[in-house]
């Protein structure tokens, strides 16, 4: 073992060779989306040495795709609103599994919110937030390396001491020494065939990194399926029609022209929660009332053209570009798509520590905040709030470390893992296996699940895991994309196993998790499914919600929206 005294200077590269680069910093942030950048900004503002790394350009992070809005109980549009009511709405819609022109900001209704608290920038909210965070990070001089793929977290005696990865362009190994690590590398929704995630993100990286470091995965089965994904053209599959379209007054109709939400949630109709709307869309399609392409229609054509152009500019432009379809006159054909990981790395609610000393997780990499169903607009506020909180906690942790124990064997293991993929002679292609993982999860762990399907999925997964041992990466003149895909596959396989095993054990229907063989919620299962590769699934009950929040939730159980849609 070697020791290192914590430093507060700017990140340095003590040594660089043709094969490996060594970097030292106080706090390492893995992921340059909204959560990662907000944490890095907090650290920099406190004068802490920080380095942010990502496997794609920060301006192109997944946060930039968030369209609908960000929640804030300001009380400016609906004076009756409060942070307590926001918390109560979050708890209620999580099925109580969540843990803990006049200058006013425009706010709109989002599904299941009691009041209008979703602030927005048209339907480009996430993009504007990401741009703002990038500008602030640049002002502070936060160093960002956005071509590094982290393959292992480095741990000695249960405490983090850095991370290991490679440069996706040159293939050079990258060893990073850090006093604390914040994991903000996203969720696992790319392991489904139709998903709002792009091809090289949300492949379960966070799950794998944390699990191999000794952390636990919580509620991997709780995956939100967004109700409205475009079906055409094929290469646009996974492109979302923002919930803002329903928030502005869009209606859902099946192929028979029936406004079918009357059958599933007659009070809230299209403003129901995402899990209910996604299940309703799925059911209409599964029972033969869908379109020829296997979808339903979302119609905003009855709204004033000026309102659509002002409030839904991205939706309007996207449909023109992809389908030459004018949404001011023609309905949009949609279907559910895998969208958001409510489950993720187990974290403490107060500081997002993972149980591995010095390792923290935030954003979609973490779990617990959204329970069994996420309210629209809550993810963007989550990354800002917990990015700041976790940055503060990581700063304090790093400052308290006078020495860091390092294990050369951990580094050697990470180094050997990469070398084995590059020098092997196996004939399996990672991209082909990734596609088979997505097909498997779509068939056996989609919107609706059952015991036989989940078990069949596990049987198929075991075969894919065996084939994955024969994967070899072949770099070419374009770079080391093949090595990226090989590690994406490893993350996907681990995340798929966690999801299937947890889904099998949650023998109930709760929020986004629909079991056709267990159609009711089971009070005995009010809690979390916690998973590790070594121990499998263990049930962890959650305590009762505070009475004050329960009272607010109960007060609005009829879920009738107050007021009307903001003009």
Protein backbone atom coordinates (compact mmCIF):
# COMPACT_ATOMS: atom_id res chain seq x y z
CA UNK A 1 0.00 0.00 0.00
CA UNK A 2 1.11 3.57 -0.57
CA UNK A 3 -0.02 6.80 1.06
CA UNK A 4 -0.80 10.23 -0.31
CA UNK A 5 -1.45 13.49 1.49
CA UNK A 6 -4.60 15.26 0.30
CA UNK A 7 -3.87 18.26 -1.94
CA UNK A 8 -5.80 21.41 -2.74
CA UNK A 9 -3.89 22.50 -5.84
CA UNK A 10 -5.18 22.28 -9.41
CA UNK A 11 -5.29 18.84 -11.08
CA UNK A 12 -1.87 17.68 -12.25
CA UNK A 13 -0.41 14.81 -14.26
CA UNK A 14 2.55 13.57 -12.20
CA UNK A 15 3.55 11.13 -14.93
CA UNK A 16 2.55 10.30 -18.46
CA UNK A 17 3.78 7.43 -20.61
CA UNK A 18 2.75 6.18 -24.02
CA UNK A 19 0.52 3.61 -22.33
CA UNK A 20 -0.87 5.44 -19.32
CA UNK A 21 -1.55 8.87 -17.91
CA UNK A 22 -1.64 9.52 -14.16
CA UNK A 23 -3.78 12.37 -12.83
CA UNK A 24 -4.27 13.52 -9.24
CA UNK A 25 -7.16 15.59 -7.90
CA UNK A 26 -9.03 16.07 -4.66
CA UNK A 27 -12.53 15.17 -5.93
CA UNK A 28 -13.29 13.32 -9.15
CA UNK A 29 -16.72 13.72 -10.76
CA UNK A 30 -17.64 10.97 -13.23
CA UNK A 31 -20.24 12.31 -15.65
CA UNK A 32 -20.58 15.77 -17.20
CA UNK A 33 -24.34 16.05 -17.43
CA UNK A 34 -26.35 18.36 -15.20
CA UNK A 35 -25.79 16.48 -11.94
CA UNK A 36 -22.06 16.10 -12.45
CA UNK A 37 -21.52 19.71 -13.52
CA UNK A 38 -23.57 21.08 -10.62
CA UNK A 39 -21.48 19.08 -8.15
CA UNK A 40 -18.26 20.22 -9.82
CA UNK A 41 -19.40 23.84 -9.68
CA UNK A 42 -20.12 23.57 -5.96
CA UNK A 43 -16.69 22.09 -5.33
CA UNK A 44 -14.96 24.78 -7.39
CA UNK A 45 -16.88 27.55 -5.63
CA UNK A 46 -15.56 26.19 -2.34
CA UNK A 47 -12.01 26.25 -3.66
CA UNK A 48 -11.70 22.47 -3.81
CA UNK A 49 -9.57 20.82 -6.47
CA UNK A 50 -11.98 19.03 -8.82
CA UNK A 51 -11.85 17.18 -12.12
CA UNK A 52 -14.90 16.18 -14.19
CA UNK A 53 -14.64 13.38 -16.74
CA UNK A 54 -17.17 12.06 -19.23
CA UNK A 55 -17.35 9.76 -22.23
CA UNK A 56 -19.21 12.30 -24.38
CA UNK A 57 -19.08 16.07 -24.86
CA UNK A 58 -20.64 17.99 -21.97
CA UNK A 59 -22.78 20.11 -24.30
CA UNK A 60 -24.31 16.90 -25.66
CA UNK A 61 -25.10 15.32 -22.28
CA UNK A 62 -28.44 13.61 -21.70
CA UNK A 63 -29.62 16.55 -19.56
CA UNK A 64 -29.83 18.68 -22.70
CA UNK A 65 -32.64 16.46 -24.02
CA UNK A 66 -34.99 17.15 -21.08
CA UNK A 67 -37.79 19.15 -22.63
CA UNK A 68 -40.71 19.68 -20.27
CA UNK A 69 -39.51 21.73 -17.32
CA UNK A 70 -38.10 21.97 -13.82
CA UNK A 71 -40.25 21.98 -10.69
CA UNK A 72 -40.24 24.81 -8.17
CA UNK A 73 -43.05 25.49 -5.69
CA UNK A 74 -42.77 29.27 -6.05
CA UNK A 75 -46.43 30.05 -5.41
CA UNK A 76 -46.36 32.80 -8.04
CA UNK A 77 -48.85 31.22 -10.44
CA UNK A 78 -50.79 29.20 -7.84
CA UNK A 79 -50.35 30.99 -4.47
CA UNK A 80 -51.65 27.94 -2.58
CA UNK A 81 -48.62 25.89 -3.61
CA UNK A 82 -45.75 25.19 -1.20
CA UNK A 83 -42.63 23.07 -0.92
CA UNK A 84 -44.56 20.87 1.48
CA UNK A 85 -47.23 20.21 -1.18
CA UNK A 86 -44.49 19.49 -3.73
CA UNK A 87 -42.99 16.96 -1.31
CA UNK A 88 -46.42 15.45 -0.66
CA UNK A 89 -47.09 15.08 -4.40
CA UNK A 90 -43.69 13.43 -4.84
CA UNK A 91 -44.32 11.02 -1.97
CA UNK A 92 -47.82 10.14 -3.11
CA UNK A 93 -46.88 9.48 -6.71
CA UNK A 94 -43.79 7.50 -5.62
CA UNK A 95 -46.27 5.16 -3.87
CA UNK A 96 -44.60 6.30 -0.63
CA UNK A 97 -41.36 4.60 -1.63
CA UNK A 98 -39.53 7.93 -2.14
CA UNK A 99 -37.04 8.95 0.51
CA UNK A 100 -36.71 11.22 1.78
CA UNK A 101 -44.86 39.42 -18.41
CA UNK A 102 -45.15 40.80 -14.97
CA UNK A 103 -41.79 39.27 -14.21
CA UNK A 104 -43.18 36.03 -12.84
CA UNK A 105 -41.72 32.77 -14.10
CA UNK A 106 -44.16 30.95 -16.37
CA UNK A 107 -45.25 27.62 -14.94
CA UNK A 108 -47.37 24.82 -16.36
CA UNK A 109 -49.18 21.75 -15.11
CA UNK A 110 -47.34 18.45 -15.37
CA UNK A 111 -48.95 15.09 -14.73
CA UNK A 112 -50.07 14.51 -11.10
CA UNK A 113 -48.94 17.90 -9.79
CA UNK A 114 -51.59 19.57 -7.64
CA UNK A 115 -50.53 23.05 -8.78
CA UNK A 116 -48.60 24.67 -11.63
CA UNK A 117 -45.01 24.47 -10.45
CA UNK A 118 -43.13 23.34 -13.56
CA UNK A 119 -40.95 26.18 -14.86
CA UNK A 120 -39.87 25.94 -18.46
CA UNK A 121 -37.99 27.46 -21.37
CA UNK A 122 -40.42 26.47 -24.11
CA UNK A 123 -39.64 22.77 -24.42
CA UNK A 124 -35.86 23.30 -24.32
CA UNK A 125 -35.57 23.48 -20.52
CA UNK A 126 -32.85 20.85 -20.07
CA UNK A 127 -30.74 22.36 -22.84
CA UNK A 128 -30.87 25.80 -21.23
CA UNK A 129 -29.96 24.37 -17.82
CA UNK A 130 -27.02 22.44 -19.29
CA UNK A 131 -25.80 25.55 -21.13
CA UNK A 132 -26.00 27.61 -17.95
CA UNK A 133 -24.07 24.99 -15.96
CA UNK A 134 -21.42 24.76 -18.67
CA UNK A 135 -20.97 28.55 -18.69
CA UNK A 136 -20.60 28.66 -14.90
CA UNK A 137 -18.15 25.74 -14.90
CA UNK A 138 -16.08 27.54 -17.54
CA UNK A 139 -16.13 30.77 -15.52
CA UNK A 140 -14.76 28.86 -12.52
CA UNK A 141 -12.14 27.09 -14.60
CA UNK A 142 -13.45 23.61 -13.80
CA UNK A 143 -11.25 21.15 -15.75
CA UNK A 144 -13.34 18.80 -17.89
CA UNK A 145 -12.00 15.82 -19.83
CA UNK A 146 -14.84 14.51 -21.98
CA UNK A 147 -13.08 11.70 -23.82
CA UNK A 148 -12.37 9.41 -20.85
CA UNK A 149 -14.30 6.18 -20.26
CA UNK A 150 -14.05 5.07 -16.62
CA UNK A 151 -13.99 1.27 -16.35
CA UNK A 152 -13.28 0.75 -12.64
CA UNK A 153 -13.44 2.61 -9.36
CA UNK A 154 -10.31 2.06 -7.28
CA UNK A 155 -10.93 0.93 -3.70
CA UNK A 156 -8.62 -0.05 -0.85
CA UNK A 157 -9.98 -1.41 2.44
CA UNK A 158 -13.50 -0.24 1.61
CA UNK A 159 -12.45 3.34 0.84
CA UNK A 160 -12.24 4.99 -2.56
CA UNK A 161 -8.90 6.23 -3.86
CA UNK A 162 -9.65 6.99 -7.48
CA UNK A 163 -10.68 5.51 -10.79
CA UNK A 164 -9.22 3.84 -13.87
CA UNK A 165 -10.22 4.18 -17.50
CA UNK A 166 -8.99 4.94 -20.99
CA UNK A 167 -9.02 7.71 -23.56
CA UNK A 168 -11.66 6.79 -26.14
CA UNK A 169 -9.65 8.41 -28.95
CA UNK A 170 -6.10 7.21 -28.27
CA UNK A 171 -6.74 4.17 -26.09
CA UNK A 172 -4.23 5.44 -23.53
CA UNK A 173 -4.90 4.20 -20.00
CA UNK A 174 -5.93 6.87 -17.51
CA UNK A 175 -5.34 6.40 -13.78
CA UNK A 176 -6.91 9.07 -11.58
CA UNK A 177 -6.10 9.41 -7.89
CA UNK A 178 -8.78 11.18 -5.84
CA UNK A 179 -9.76 11.66 -2.22
CA UNK A 180 -13.46 11.38 -3.10
CA UNK A 181 -15.48 10.35 -6.15
CA UNK A 182 -18.94 11.52 -7.21
CA UNK A 183 -20.65 9.10 -9.59
CA UNK A 184 -23.02 10.90 -11.97
CA UNK A 185 -22.87 8.62 -15.00
CA UNK A 186 -26.59 8.07 -15.55
CA UNK A 187 -28.96 5.12 -15.38
CA UNK A 188 -29.69 1.96 -17.39
CA UNK A 189 -32.58 2.67 -19.78
CA UNK A 190 -30.45 1.94 -22.85
CA UNK A 191 -30.80 -1.79 -22.12
CA UNK A 192 -34.30 -1.68 -23.68
CA UNK A 193 -34.80 -1.71 -27.44
CA UNK A 194 -36.98 1.41 -27.57
CA UNK A 195 -35.60 4.07 -25.26
CA UNK A 196 -35.24 7.82 -24.98
CA UNK A 197 -31.52 7.31 -24.32
CA UNK A 198 -29.06 7.55 -27.17
CA UNK A 199 -26.95 4.58 -28.22
CA UNK A 200 -23.89 5.24 -26.05
CA UNK A 201 -25.41 6.50 -22.80
CA UNK A 202 -27.33 5.07 -19.84
CA UNK A 203 -25.96 1.58 -20.50
CA UNK A 204 -25.62 0.73 -16.80
CA UNK A 205 -22.13 2.19 -16.33
CA UNK A 206 -23.00 3.55 -12.87
CA UNK A 207 -24.50 0.23 -11.78
CA UNK A 208 -21.38 -1.71 -12.76
CA UNK A 209 -18.84 0.76 -11.40
CA UNK A 210 -20.58 0.99 -8.04
CA UNK A 211 -21.35 -2.72 -7.68
CA UNK A 212 -17.77 -3.77 -8.44
CA UNK A 213 -16.55 -1.21 -5.89
CA UNK A 214 -18.70 -2.81 -3.18
CA UNK A 215 -21.79 -0.60 -3.30
CA UNK A 216 -25.36 -1.92 -3.63
CA UNK A 217 -28.00 -1.41 -6.31
CA UNK A 218 -31.51 -0.45 -5.19
CA UNK A 219 -34.83 -0.92 -7.02
CA UNK A 220 -33.34 -1.71 -10.43
CA UNK A 221 -36.78 -2.95 -11.49
CA UNK A 222 -38.33 0.51 -11.11
CA UNK A 223 -37.95 1.94 -14.60
CA UNK A 224 -40.21 4.66 -15.88
CA UNK A 225 -41.64 4.18 -19.34
CA UNK A 226 -42.43 7.53 -20.91
CA UNK A 227 -45.89 7.45 -22.53
CA UNK A 228 -45.00 9.26 -25.73
CA UNK A 229 -42.19 8.07 -27.99
CA UNK A 230 -42.20 8.63 -31.74
CA UNK A 231 -42.62 5.48 -33.82
CA UNK A 232 -41.39 6.78 -37.16
CA UNK A 233 -38.98 6.93 -38.84
CA UNK A 234 -37.07 3.92 -37.51
CA UNK A 235 -33.93 5.90 -36.71
CA UNK A 236 -36.02 8.32 -34.62
CA UNK A 237 -37.28 5.61 -32.27
CA UNK A 238 -36.74 6.86 -28.73
CA UNK A 239 -37.41 10.49 -29.61
CA UNK A 240 -39.80 11.81 -26.99
CA UNK A 241 -42.81 14.01 -27.39
CA UNK A 242 -42.54 16.06 -24.22
CA UNK A 243 -45.11 15.70 -21.46
CA UNK A 244 -45.49 19.43 -22.00
CA UNK A 245 -47.73 18.53 -24.96
CA UNK A 246 -50.23 16.99 -22.55
CA UNK A 247 -49.61 19.75 -20.02
CA UNK A 248 -50.65 22.33 -22.60
CA UNK A 249 -53.90 20.46 -23.31
CA UNK A 250 -53.05 17.61 -25.69
CA UNK A 251 -55.43 14.63 -25.68
CA UNK A 252 -54.86 10.90 -26.25
CA UNK A 253 -57.00 8.88 -28.66
CA UNK A 254 -56.84 5.29 -29.85
CA UNK A 255 -57.25 4.13 -33.45
CA UNK A 256 -61.03 4.27 -33.01
CA UNK A 257 -60.86 7.97 -32.14
CA UNK A 258 -61.83 7.33 -28.51
CA UNK A 259 -60.32 9.56 -25.81
CA UNK A 260 -59.38 6.52 -23.76
CA UNK A 261 -57.91 8.06 -20.59
CA UNK A 262 -61.50 8.28 -19.37
CA UNK A 263 -61.20 4.54 -18.81
CA UNK A 264 -57.96 4.67 -16.78
CA UNK A 265 -58.04 7.94 -14.81
CA UNK A 266 -61.29 9.86 -15.33
CA UNK A 267 -60.31 12.63 -12.92
CA UNK A 268 -56.88 13.55 -14.22
CA UNK A 269 -57.24 12.23 -17.76
CA UNK A 270 -54.10 13.11 -19.77
CA UNK A 271 -52.59 14.84 -16.71
CA UNK A 272 -52.33 11.52 -14.88
CA UNK A 273 -48.95 10.19 -13.80
CA UNK A 274 -46.50 8.84 -16.33
CA UNK A 275 -46.81 5.27 -15.10
CA UNK A 276 -50.60 5.30 -15.55
CA UNK A 277 -50.50 6.99 -18.94
CA UNK A 278 -47.78 4.63 -20.19
CA UNK A 279 -49.77 1.62 -18.96
CA UNK A 280 -52.93 3.00 -20.58
CA UNK A 281 -51.15 3.46 -23.91
CA UNK A 282 -49.63 -0.02 -23.65
CA UNK A 283 -53.01 -1.58 -22.82
CA UNK A 284 -54.81 0.12 -25.71
CA UNK A 285 -52.15 -1.18 -28.10
CA UNK A 286 -52.00 -4.67 -26.57
CA UNK A 287 -55.79 -5.06 -26.68
CA UNK A 288 -55.98 -4.21 -30.37
CA UNK A 289 -57.13 -0.60 -30.23
CA UNK A 290 -53.79 0.80 -31.35
CA UNK A 291 -52.77 2.10 -34.74
CA UNK A 292 -51.41 -0.07 -37.53
CA UNK A 293 -47.88 0.87 -36.44
CA UNK A 294 -48.56 -0.16 -32.84
CA UNK A 295 -49.23 3.22 -31.26
CA UNK A 296 -51.90 5.67 -30.15
CA UNK A 297 -52.50 9.29 -31.12
CA UNK A 298 -51.53 12.40 -29.15
CA UNK A 299 -53.49 15.34 -30.52
CA UNK A 300 -52.77 19.03 -29.92
CA UNK A 301 -54.35 20.24 -33.17
CA UNK A 302 -57.33 21.74 -31.32
CA UNK A 303 -55.02 24.21 -29.53
CA UNK A 304 -54.33 27.67 -31.00
CA UNK A 305 -51.43 27.58 -33.44
CA UNK A 306 -49.75 30.46 -31.61
CA UNK A 307 -49.82 28.52 -28.33
CA UNK A 308 -48.23 25.47 -29.94
CA UNK A 309 -45.43 27.49 -31.55
CA UNK A 310 -44.73 29.39 -28.32
CA UNK A 311 -44.99 26.56 -25.81
CA UNK A 312 -44.01 23.49 -27.86
CA UNK A 313 -41.38 24.72 -30.33
CA UNK A 314 -39.17 21.63 -30.07
CA UNK A 315 -42.08 19.23 -30.59
CA UNK A 316 -43.27 21.26 -33.57
CA UNK A 317 -39.83 21.42 -35.17
CA UNK A 318 -39.00 17.77 -34.46
CA UNK A 319 -42.14 16.48 -36.18
CA UNK A 320 -41.58 18.75 -39.18
CA UNK A 321 -37.97 17.57 -39.49
CA UNK A 322 -38.58 13.85 -38.93
CA UNK A 323 -42.00 13.24 -40.47
CA UNK A 324 -42.99 16.43 -42.33
CA UNK A 325 -45.96 16.41 -39.97
CA UNK A 326 -47.62 19.65 -38.84
CA UNK A 327 -48.83 19.07 -35.27
CA UNK A 328 -51.07 22.14 -35.48
CA UNK A 329 -53.29 20.17 -37.88
CA UNK A 330 -52.39 16.47 -37.48
CA UNK A 331 -52.19 14.07 -34.47
CA UNK A 332 -48.85 12.51 -33.46
CA UNK A 333 -48.45 8.72 -33.38
CA UNK A 334 -46.75 7.62 -30.14
CA UNK A 335 -46.04 4.58 -27.92
CA UNK A 336 -44.33 4.00 -24.53
CA UNK A 337 -40.52 3.94 -24.29
CA UNK A 338 -37.99 3.20 -21.53
CA UNK A 339 -37.14 6.62 -20.17
CA UNK A 340 -35.84 6.97 -16.61
CA UNK A 341 -34.15 4.82 -13.97
CA UNK A 342 -35.83 5.40 -10.62
CA UNK A 343 -33.60 2.66 -9.27
CA UNK A 344 -29.83 2.94 -9.13
CA UNK A 345 -26.98 2.94 -6.67
CA UNK A 346 -28.09 2.71 -3.03
CA UNK A 347 -27.45 6.06 -1.33
CA UNK A 348 -28.13 7.63 2.04
CA UNK A 349 -30.86 10.29 1.64
CA UNK A 350 -29.04 12.95 3.63
CA UNK A 351 -25.70 12.99 1.77
CA UNK A 352 -25.93 10.47 -1.11
CA UNK A 353 -23.08 8.43 0.31
CA UNK A 354 -23.06 4.87 -1.02
CA UNK A 355 -21.65 2.93 1.92
CA UNK A 356 -18.26 2.82 0.21
CA UNK A 357 -16.25 5.49 2.01
CA UNK A 358 -15.60 8.47 -0.24
CA UNK A 359 -17.98 7.35 -3.00
CA UNK A 360 -21.16 9.36 -3.66
CA UNK A 361 -23.82 8.98 -6.36
CA UNK A 362 -26.24 11.55 -7.74
CA UNK A 363 -28.74 12.06 -10.53
CA UNK A 364 -30.02 9.04 -12.41
CA UNK A 365 -27.09 7.02 -11.09
CA UNK A 366 -28.62 7.15 -7.60
CA UNK A 367 -31.93 5.87 -6.22
CA UNK A 368 -34.58 6.46 -3.60
CA UNK A 369 -35.80 9.97 -4.32
CA UNK A 370 -38.50 9.08 -6.86
CA UNK A 371 -39.74 5.79 -5.39
CA UNK A 372 -41.88 3.79 -7.80
CA UNK A 373 -42.85 6.68 -10.06
CA UNK A 374 -41.12 9.96 -10.89
CA UNK A 375 -43.11 13.16 -11.23
CA UNK A 376 -42.39 14.99 -14.47
CA UNK A 377 -40.09 17.95 -13.83
CA UNK A 378 -38.55 16.45 -10.69
CA UNK A 379 -35.36 15.14 -12.30
CA UNK A 380 -33.99 18.54 -13.28
CA UNK A 381 -34.54 20.02 -9.83
CA UNK A 382 -33.05 16.85 -8.30
CA UNK A 383 -29.76 17.23 -10.14
CA UNK A 384 -29.42 20.88 -9.09
CA UNK A 385 -30.31 20.30 -5.44
CA UNK A 386 -28.36 17.10 -4.86
CA UNK A 387 -25.49 18.20 -7.07
CA UNK A 388 -24.99 21.08 -4.66
CA UNK A 389 -25.52 19.02 -1.50
CA UNK A 390 -23.25 16.20 -2.62
CA UNK A 391 -20.58 18.65 -3.71
CA UNK A 392 -20.60 20.11 -0.21
CA UNK A 393 -20.41 16.68 1.43
CA UNK A 394 -17.63 15.46 -0.86
CA UNK A 395 -15.65 18.64 -0.18
CA UNK A 396 -15.88 18.05 3.56
CA UNK A 397 -14.95 14.39 3.18
CA UNK A 398 -11.90 15.17 1.05
CA UNK A 399 -10.77 17.91 3.42
CA UNK A 400 -10.89 15.45 6.31
CA UNK A 401 -8.56 12.93 4.66
CA UNK A 402 -4.97 13.47 5.72
CA UNK A 403 -3.78 10.38 3.88
CA UNK A 404 -5.11 7.99 1.27
CA UNK A 405 -4.35 4.26 1.19
CA UNK A 406 -3.89 2.87 -2.30
CA UNK A 407 -3.88 -0.73 -3.43
CA UNK A 408 -1.62 -1.50 -6.42
CA UNK A 409 -3.56 -4.74 -6.97
CA UNK A 410 -6.76 -2.78 -7.65
CA UNK A 411 -4.95 -0.77 -10.32
CA UNK A 412 -3.40 -3.90 -11.80
CA UNK A 413 -6.80 -5.60 -12.00
CA UNK A 414 -8.34 -2.63 -13.82
CA UNK A 415 -5.38 -2.44 -16.19
CA UNK A 416 -5.53 -6.18 -16.92
CA UNK A 417 -9.27 -6.04 -17.65
CA UNK A 418 -8.70 -3.59 -20.49
CA UNK A 419 -5.69 -5.49 -21.82
CA UNK A 420 -7.62 -8.76 -21.93
CA UNK A 421 -10.30 -7.24 -24.16
CA UNK A 422 -7.72 -5.77 -26.52
CA UNK A 423 -5.56 -8.89 -26.83
CA UNK A 424 -8.18 -11.65 -26.76
CA UNK A 425 -9.05 -13.87 -29.70
CA UNK A 426 -12.79 -14.28 -29.08
CA UNK A 427 -15.17 -13.95 -32.00
CA UNK A 428 -18.18 -12.34 -30.31
CA UNK A 429 -19.05 -8.75 -31.33
CA UNK A 430 -20.15 -6.45 -28.49
CA UNK A 431 -22.69 -4.50 -30.55
CA UNK A 432 -24.50 -7.69 -31.53
CA UNK A 433 -24.75 -8.83 -27.91
CA UNK A 434 -25.92 -5.37 -26.82
CA UNK A 435 -28.77 -5.62 -29.31
CA UNK A 436 -29.72 -9.03 -27.95
CA UNK A 437 -29.76 -7.65 -24.39
CA UNK A 438 -32.15 -4.91 -25.51
CA UNK A 439 -34.41 -7.39 -27.29
CA UNK A 440 -34.43 -9.63 -24.20
CA UNK A 441 -35.36 -6.80 -21.82
CA UNK A 442 -38.06 -5.47 -24.12
CA UNK A 443 -39.64 -8.92 -24.45
CA UNK A 444 -39.44 -9.95 -20.79
CA UNK A 445 -39.17 -6.80 -18.63
CA UNK A 446 -41.18 -4.16 -20.46
CA UNK A 447 -44.20 -2.15 -19.35
CA UNK A 448 -45.97 -5.32 -18.13
CA UNK A 449 -44.14 -8.32 -16.62
CA UNK A 450 -44.92 -11.74 -15.18
CA UNK A 451 -43.10 -14.61 -13.47
CA UNK A 452 -42.66 -16.84 -16.50
CA UNK A 453 -41.42 -14.00 -18.69
CA UNK A 454 -38.90 -12.79 -16.12
CA UNK A 455 -37.55 -16.32 -15.62
CA UNK A 456 -37.27 -16.79 -19.36
CA UNK A 457 -35.39 -13.50 -19.50
CA UNK A 458 -32.92 -14.73 -16.88
CA UNK A 459 -32.34 -17.93 -18.86
CA UNK A 460 -31.54 -15.95 -22.00
CA UNK A 461 -29.36 -13.54 -20.03
CA UNK A 462 -27.21 -16.38 -18.69
CA UNK A 463 -26.47 -17.44 -22.27
CA UNK A 464 -25.52 -13.89 -23.22
CA UNK A 465 -23.28 -13.58 -20.17
CA UNK A 466 -21.42 -16.70 -21.24
CA UNK A 467 -21.02 -15.44 -24.81
CA UNK A 468 -19.76 -12.10 -23.49
CA UNK A 469 -16.66 -13.84 -22.12
CA UNK A 470 -15.59 -14.29 -25.75
CA UNK A 471 -15.83 -10.62 -26.71
CA UNK A 472 -12.72 -8.97 -28.13
CA UNK A 473 -12.26 -5.26 -28.87
CA UNK A 474 -10.66 -4.27 -32.18
CA UNK A 475 -9.47 -0.64 -32.33
CA UNK A 476 -9.30 1.02 -35.74
CA UNK A 477 -8.26 4.33 -37.27
CA UNK A 478 -11.41 5.96 -35.88
CA UNK A 479 -10.43 5.21 -32.30
CA UNK A 480 -11.35 2.79 -29.56
CA UNK A 481 -15.13 2.65 -30.00
CA UNK A 482 -15.04 -1.15 -29.94
CA UNK A 483 -13.53 -1.07 -26.45
CA UNK A 484 -16.24 1.40 -25.40
CA UNK A 485 -18.91 -0.98 -26.67
CA UNK A 486 -17.31 -3.91 -24.85
CA UNK A 487 -17.53 -2.09 -21.52
CA UNK A 488 -21.02 -0.78 -22.35
CA UNK A 489 -21.99 -4.44 -22.80
CA UNK A 490 -20.58 -5.38 -19.40
CA UNK A 491 -22.57 -2.61 -17.75
CA UNK A 492 -25.71 -3.62 -19.64
CA UNK A 493 -25.41 -7.27 -18.61
CA UNK A 494 -24.99 -6.41 -14.93
CA UNK A 495 -27.86 -3.91 -15.01
CA UNK A 496 -30.11 -6.40 -16.82
CA UNK A 497 -29.45 -9.09 -14.21
CA UNK A 498 -30.16 -6.68 -11.36
CA UNK A 499 -33.39 -5.56 -13.05
CA UNK A 500 -34.71 -9.04 -13.81
CA UNK A 501 -33.89 -10.46 -10.38
CA UNK A 502 -35.41 -7.48 -8.54
CA UNK A 503 -38.51 -7.53 -10.78
CA UNK A 504 -38.99 -11.23 -10.04
CA UNK A 505 -38.92 -10.59 -6.29
CA UNK A 506 -41.30 -7.60 -6.37
CA UNK A 507 -44.44 -9.69 -6.60
CA UNK A 508 -46.88 -6.80 -6.82
CA UNK A 509 -47.96 -3.99 -9.10
CA UNK A 510 -46.59 -0.70 -7.84
CA UNK A 511 -46.07 2.50 -9.78
CA UNK A 512 -44.09 1.82 -12.95
CA UNK A 513 -43.69 -1.89 -12.08
CA UNK A 514 -46.67 -3.79 -13.49
CA UNK A 515 -46.99 -7.52 -12.76
CA UNK A 516 -49.89 -9.09 -14.63
CA UNK A 517 -49.72 -12.08 -12.26
CA UNK A 518 -49.77 -9.79 -9.18
CA UNK A 519 -52.09 -6.91 -10.21
CA UNK A 520 -52.42 -5.35 -6.74
CA UNK A 521 -50.05 -3.47 -4.48
CA UNK A 522 -48.79 -5.50 -1.50
CA UNK A 523 -48.35 -3.46 1.72
CA UNK A 524 -45.79 -6.02 2.90
CA UNK A 525 -43.54 -4.99 0.00
CA UNK A 526 -43.47 -1.28 0.82
CA UNK A 527 -39.74 -0.94 0.59
CA UNK A 528 -36.80 -1.52 -1.70
CA UNK A 529 -35.23 -4.46 -3.48
CA UNK A 530 -31.48 -4.18 -2.84
CA UNK A 531 -29.12 -6.16 -5.08
CA UNK A 532 -25.44 -7.04 -5.33
CA UNK A 533 -23.70 -9.48 -7.70
CA UNK A 534 -22.63 -11.56 -4.70
CA UNK A 535 -25.79 -11.72 -2.57
CA UNK A 536 -28.59 -11.25 -5.09
CA UNK A 537 -31.77 -9.54 -3.88
CA UNK A 538 -32.59 -8.54 -0.32
CA UNK A 539 -35.70 -6.65 0.79
CA UNK A 540 -35.21 -3.39 2.70
CA UNK A 541 -38.40 -1.89 4.22
CA UNK A 542 -38.89 1.87 4.31
CA UNK A 543 -40.24 3.83 7.26
CA UNK A 544 -43.52 5.75 7.22
CA UNK A 545 -43.71 9.16 5.59
CA UNK A 546 -44.05 12.17 7.94
CA UNK A 547 -47.67 12.69 9.01
CA UNK A 548 -47.69 16.26 7.69
CA UNK A 549 -46.83 15.09 4.18
CA UNK A 550 -49.29 12.21 4.37
CA UNK A 551 -52.05 14.66 5.31
CA UNK A 552 -51.24 16.89 2.34
CA UNK A 553 -51.14 13.88 0.01
CA UNK A 554 -54.48 12.59 1.32
CA UNK A 555 -56.04 16.04 1.00
CA UNK A 556 -55.56 15.92 -2.76
CA UNK A 557 -56.18 12.25 -3.48
CA UNK A 558 -58.88 13.21 -5.97
CA UNK A 559 -56.00 14.76 -7.96
CA UNK A 560 -58.26 17.30 -9.64
CA UNK A 561 -55.92 20.00 -11.00
CA UNK A 562 -56.49 23.49 -9.59
CA UNK A 563 -56.97 26.38 -11.99
CA UNK A 564 -56.36 25.89 -15.69
CA UNK A 565 -53.45 25.49 -18.03
CA UNK A 566 -51.20 28.53 -18.17
CA UNK A 567 -51.78 30.46 -21.38
